[in-house]
């Protein structure tokens, strides 16, 4: 077995890949739930006001679609059926998604550091979203790294 074939085999069984797909699937489901009026993990009154605005509801549904697309992209990178899709397009999509998650996760870390520096309490349910985005950034970064290693080895 060649090195590339060995790398592809490891990539297909990637826990990070399935973790990233699960992360995106959970987030897509949460966005759909929020759009339906179930404000799981959000401050209910603020969420209700936000979702009364049409643009915010459209934004939320677009985020759900993007998360569902992320599930497909990650699985396409690892599964045999994904070999029929453009590797270049999949690469662009996974890089863009990873970049957005790294930016959002990084912003959350900066916010937490700032709150600690000024002596504010960071024990807040909304802080969990910062952790959630950091988890997504790590999982998707691992996928990009593995994808690059397999395709450019």
C-alpha atoms as a PDB file:
ATOM      1  CA  UNK A   1       0.000   0.000   0.000  1.00  0.00           C
ATOM      2  CA  UNK A   2       1.410   3.387  -0.966  1.00  0.00           C
ATOM      3  CA  UNK A   3       1.730   6.323   1.408  1.00  0.00           C
ATOM      4  CA  UNK A   4      -1.101   8.205  -0.325  1.00  0.00           C
ATOM      5  CA  UNK A   5      -3.388   5.163  -0.130  1.00  0.00           C
ATOM      6  CA  UNK A   6      -2.533   4.763   3.570  1.00  0.00           C
ATOM      7  CA  UNK A   7      -3.258   8.455   4.203  1.00  0.00           C
ATOM      8  CA  UNK A   8      -6.572   8.221   2.324  1.00  0.00           C
ATOM      9  CA  UNK A   9      -7.540   5.189   4.390  1.00  0.00           C
ATOM     10  CA  UNK A  10      -6.788   7.073   7.627  1.00  0.00           C
ATOM     11  CA  UNK A  11      -8.676  10.115   6.378  1.00  0.00           C
ATOM     12  CA  UNK A  12     -11.779   8.053   5.601  1.00  0.00           C
ATOM     13  CA  UNK A  13     -11.798   6.850   9.220  1.00  0.00           C
ATOM     14  CA  UNK A  14     -11.129  10.295  10.665  1.00  0.00           C
ATOM     15  CA  UNK A  15     -12.786  10.917  14.033  1.00  0.00           C
ATOM     16  CA  UNK A  16     -12.253  14.638  13.405  1.00  0.00           C
ATOM     17  CA  UNK A  17     -14.138  14.392  10.117  1.00  0.00           C
ATOM     18  CA  UNK A  18     -17.120  12.679  11.656  1.00  0.00           C
ATOM     19  CA  UNK A  19     -16.894  15.056  14.616  1.00  0.00           C
ATOM     20  CA  UNK A  20     -16.952  18.064  12.275  1.00  0.00           C
ATOM     21  CA  UNK A  21     -19.932  16.626  10.396  1.00  0.00           C
ATOM     22  CA  UNK A  22     -21.755  16.003  13.679  1.00  0.00           C
ATOM     23  CA  UNK A  23     -20.861  19.524  14.883  1.00  0.00           C
ATOM     24  CA  UNK A  24     -22.359  21.040  11.723  1.00  0.00           C
ATOM     25  CA  UNK A  25     -25.441  18.780  11.872  1.00  0.00           C
ATOM     26  CA  UNK A  26     -26.155  19.759  15.489  1.00  0.00           C
ATOM     27  CA  UNK A  27     -25.731  23.432  14.655  1.00  0.00           C
ATOM     28  CA  UNK A  28     -28.020  23.124  11.608  1.00  0.00           C
ATOM     29  CA  UNK A  29     -30.664  21.492  13.819  1.00  0.00           C
ATOM     30  CA  UNK A  30     -30.312  24.263  16.405  1.00  0.00           C
ATOM     31  CA  UNK A  31     -30.775  26.944  13.745  1.00  0.00           C
ATOM     32  CA  UNK A  32     -33.934  25.221  12.509  1.00  0.00           C
ATOM     33  CA  UNK A  33     -35.212  24.918  16.086  1.00  0.00           C
ATOM     34  CA  UNK A  34     -34.521  28.611  16.707  1.00  0.00           C
ATOM     35  CA  UNK A  35     -36.315  29.580  13.498  1.00  0.00           C
ATOM     36  CA  UNK A  36     -39.271  27.475  14.676  1.00  0.00           C
ATOM     37  CA  UNK A  37     -39.413  29.424  17.946  1.00  0.00           C
ATOM     38  CA  UNK A  38     -37.561  27.031  20.267  1.00  0.00           C
ATOM     39  CA  UNK A  39     -34.767  29.150  21.716  1.00  0.00           C
ATOM     40  CA  UNK A  40     -32.578  26.342  23.045  1.00  0.00           C
ATOM     41  CA  UNK A  41     -29.355  27.759  24.487  1.00  0.00           C
ATOM     42  CA  UNK A  42     -30.342  31.382  23.867  1.00  0.00           C
ATOM     43  CA  UNK A  43     -31.709  34.118  26.079  1.00  0.00           C
ATOM     44  CA  UNK A  44     -35.386  33.696  25.308  1.00  0.00           C
ATOM     45  CA  UNK A  45     -36.556  37.309  25.393  1.00  0.00           C
ATOM     46  CA  UNK A  46     -33.656  38.611  23.288  1.00  0.00           C
ATOM     47  CA  UNK A  47     -34.074  35.737  20.832  1.00  0.00           C
ATOM     48  CA  UNK A  48     -37.820  36.328  20.504  1.00  0.00           C
ATOM     49  CA  UNK A  49     -37.199  40.005  19.649  1.00  0.00           C
ATOM     50  CA  UNK A  50     -34.462  39.124  17.167  1.00  0.00           C
ATOM     51  CA  UNK A  51     -36.532  36.481  15.373  1.00  0.00           C
ATOM     52  CA  UNK A  52     -39.460  38.852  14.974  1.00  0.00           C
ATOM     53  CA  UNK A  53     -37.318  40.682  12.436  1.00  0.00           C
ATOM     54  CA  UNK A  54     -37.599  39.074   9.001  1.00  0.00           C
ATOM     55  CA  UNK A  55     -33.953  39.648   8.089  1.00  0.00           C
ATOM     56  CA  UNK A  56     -32.802  37.798  11.204  1.00  0.00           C
ATOM     57  CA  UNK A  57     -35.064  34.842  10.482  1.00  0.00           C
ATOM     58  CA  UNK A  58     -33.700  34.705   6.910  1.00  0.00           C
ATOM     59  CA  UNK A  59     -30.139  34.925   8.275  1.00  0.00           C
ATOM     60  CA  UNK A  60     -30.843  32.062  10.682  1.00  0.00           C
ATOM     61  CA  UNK A  61     -32.316  29.843   7.984  1.00  0.00           C
ATOM     62  CA  UNK A  62     -29.347  30.626   5.716  1.00  0.00           C
ATOM     63  CA  UNK A  63     -27.041  29.574   8.550  1.00  0.00           C
ATOM     64  CA  UNK A  64     -28.968  26.287   8.838  1.00  0.00           C
ATOM     65  CA  UNK A  65     -28.525  25.651   5.104  1.00  0.00           C
ATOM     66  CA  UNK A  66     -24.802  26.483   5.307  1.00  0.00           C
ATOM     67  CA  UNK A  67     -24.378  24.093   8.240  1.00  0.00           C
ATOM     68  CA  UNK A  68     -26.193  21.346   6.316  1.00  0.00           C
ATOM     69  CA  UNK A  69     -23.893  22.024   3.348  1.00  0.00           C
ATOM     70  CA  UNK A  70     -20.910  21.719   5.704  1.00  0.00           C
ATOM     71  CA  UNK A  71     -22.074  18.226   6.690  1.00  0.00           C
ATOM     72  CA  UNK A  72     -22.178  17.213   3.017  1.00  0.00           C
ATOM     73  CA  UNK A  73     -18.787  18.787   2.253  1.00  0.00           C
ATOM     74  CA  UNK A  74     -17.018  17.090   5.167  1.00  0.00           C
ATOM     75  CA  UNK A  75     -18.553  13.719   4.372  1.00  0.00           C
ATOM     76  CA  UNK A  76     -17.722  14.163   0.662  1.00  0.00           C
ATOM     77  CA  UNK A  77     -14.080  14.651   1.579  1.00  0.00           C
ATOM     78  CA  UNK A  78     -14.038  11.318   3.394  1.00  0.00           C
ATOM     79  CA  UNK A  79     -16.453   9.111   1.469  1.00  0.00           C
ATOM     80  CA  UNK A  80     -16.087   7.340  -1.858  1.00  0.00           C
ATOM     81  CA  UNK A  81     -19.098   9.140  -3.366  1.00  0.00           C
ATOM     82  CA  UNK A  82     -17.307  12.436  -2.757  1.00  0.00           C
ATOM     83  CA  UNK A  83     -14.607  11.459  -5.262  1.00  0.00           C
ATOM     84  CA  UNK A  84     -17.114  12.261  -8.014  1.00  0.00           C
ATOM     85  CA  UNK A  85     -17.246  15.884  -6.875  1.00  0.00           C
ATOM     86  CA  UNK A  86     -14.725  18.583  -7.699  1.00  0.00           C
ATOM     87  CA  UNK A  87     -11.861  18.377  -5.187  1.00  0.00           C
ATOM     88  CA  UNK A  88     -11.104  22.015  -5.887  1.00  0.00           C
ATOM     89  CA  UNK A  89     -14.661  23.102  -5.026  1.00  0.00           C
ATOM     90  CA  UNK A  90     -14.705  20.944  -1.888  1.00  0.00           C
ATOM     91  CA  UNK A  91     -11.333  22.372  -0.888  1.00  0.00           C
ATOM     92  CA  UNK A  92     -12.541  25.956  -1.338  1.00  0.00           C
ATOM     93  CA  UNK A  93     -15.714  25.270   0.650  1.00  0.00           C
ATOM     94  CA  UNK A  94     -13.939  23.554   3.548  1.00  0.00           C
ATOM     95  CA  UNK A  95     -11.254  26.268   3.681  1.00  0.00           C
ATOM     96  CA  UNK A  96     -13.884  29.048   3.713  1.00  0.00           C
ATOM     97  CA  UNK A  97     -15.920  27.336   6.428  1.00  0.00           C
ATOM     98  CA  UNK A  98     -12.836  26.687   8.512  1.00  0.00           C
ATOM     99  CA  UNK A  99     -11.715  30.296   8.123  1.00  0.00           C
ATOM    100  CA  UNK A 100     -15.083  31.583   9.338  1.00  0.00           C
ATOM    101  CA  UNK A 101     -15.045  29.250  12.328  1.00  0.00           C
ATOM    102  CA  UNK A 102     -11.480  30.213  13.237  1.00  0.00           C
ATOM    103  CA  UNK A 103     -12.430  33.903  13.076  1.00  0.00           C
ATOM    104  CA  UNK A 104     -15.575  33.383  15.180  1.00  0.00           C
ATOM    105  CA  UNK A 105     -13.825  31.085  17.653  1.00  0.00           C
ATOM    106  CA  UNK A 106     -10.901  33.508  17.932  1.00  0.00           C
ATOM    107  CA  UNK A 107     -13.281  36.402  18.550  1.00  0.00           C
ATOM    108  CA  UNK A 108     -14.889  34.388  21.345  1.00  0.00           C
ATOM    109  CA  UNK A 109     -11.503  33.750  22.953  1.00  0.00           C
ATOM    110  CA  UNK A 110     -10.641  37.462  22.734  1.00  0.00           C
ATOM    111  CA  UNK A 111     -14.007  38.296  24.335  1.00  0.00           C
ATOM    112  CA  UNK A 112     -13.443  35.856  27.193  1.00  0.00           C
ATOM    113  CA  UNK A 113      -9.916  37.177  27.800  1.00  0.00           C
ATOM    114  CA  UNK A 114     -11.275  40.729  27.810  1.00  0.00           C
ATOM    115  CA  UNK A 115     -14.033  39.848  30.290  1.00  0.00           C
ATOM    116  CA  UNK A 116     -11.510  38.175  32.596  1.00  0.00           C
ATOM    117  CA  UNK A 117      -9.162  41.179  32.291  1.00  0.00           C
ATOM    118  CA  UNK A 118     -11.845  43.651  33.370  1.00  0.00           C
ATOM    119  CA  UNK A 119     -13.020  41.366  36.169  1.00  0.00           C
ATOM    120  CA  UNK A 120     -16.407  40.388  34.726  1.00  0.00           C
ATOM    121  CA  UNK A 121     -18.033  37.053  35.354  1.00  0.00           C
ATOM    122  CA  UNK A 122     -17.579  34.719  32.371  1.00  0.00           C
ATOM    123  CA  UNK A 123     -19.871  32.043  33.804  1.00  0.00           C
ATOM    124  CA  UNK A 124     -22.726  32.754  31.437  1.00  0.00           C
ATOM    125  CA  UNK A 125     -24.685  30.350  29.237  1.00  0.00           C
ATOM    126  CA  UNK A 126     -23.834  32.514  26.215  1.00  0.00           C
ATOM    127  CA  UNK A 127     -20.118  31.887  26.842  1.00  0.00           C
ATOM    128  CA  UNK A 128     -20.772  28.257  25.939  1.00  0.00           C
ATOM    129  CA  UNK A 129     -21.326  29.401  22.350  1.00  0.00           C
ATOM    130  CA  UNK A 130     -17.761  30.707  22.275  1.00  0.00           C
ATOM    131  CA  UNK A 131     -16.562  27.249  23.342  1.00  0.00           C
ATOM    132  CA  UNK A 132     -18.851  25.667  20.738  1.00  0.00           C
ATOM    133  CA  UNK A 133     -17.329  27.760  17.934  1.00  0.00           C
ATOM    134  CA  UNK A 134     -13.808  26.959  19.148  1.00  0.00           C
ATOM    135  CA  UNK A 135     -14.658  23.253  19.014  1.00  0.00           C
ATOM    136  CA  UNK A 136     -15.933  23.662  15.445  1.00  0.00           C
ATOM    137  CA  UNK A 137     -12.799  25.604  14.489  1.00  0.00           C
ATOM    138  CA  UNK A 138     -10.555  22.854  15.865  1.00  0.00           C
ATOM    139  CA  UNK A 139     -12.488  20.035  14.166  1.00  0.00           C
ATOM    140  CA  UNK A 140     -12.641  21.780  10.796  1.00  0.00           C
ATOM    141  CA  UNK A 141      -8.975  22.807  11.032  1.00  0.00           C
ATOM    142  CA  UNK A 142      -8.052  19.162  11.564  1.00  0.00           C
ATOM    143  CA  UNK A 143     -10.106  18.227   8.500  1.00  0.00           C
ATOM    144  CA  UNK A 144      -8.336  20.846   6.357  1.00  0.00           C
ATOM    145  CA  UNK A 145      -4.970  19.612   7.603  1.00  0.00           C
ATOM    146  CA  UNK A 146      -5.841  15.957   6.898  1.00  0.00           C
ATOM    147  CA  UNK A 147      -7.334  16.786   3.499  1.00  0.00           C
ATOM    148  CA  UNK A 148      -4.239  18.733   2.529  1.00  0.00           C
ATOM    149  CA  UNK A 149      -1.951  15.960   3.748  1.00  0.00           C
ATOM    150  CA  UNK A 150      -3.820  13.298   1.779  1.00  0.00           C
ATOM    151  CA  UNK A 151      -4.149  15.282  -1.443  1.00  0.00           C
ATOM    152  CA  UNK A 152      -0.721  16.871  -1.490  1.00  0.00           C
ATOM    153  CA  UNK A 153       1.388  14.048  -0.029  1.00  0.00           C
END
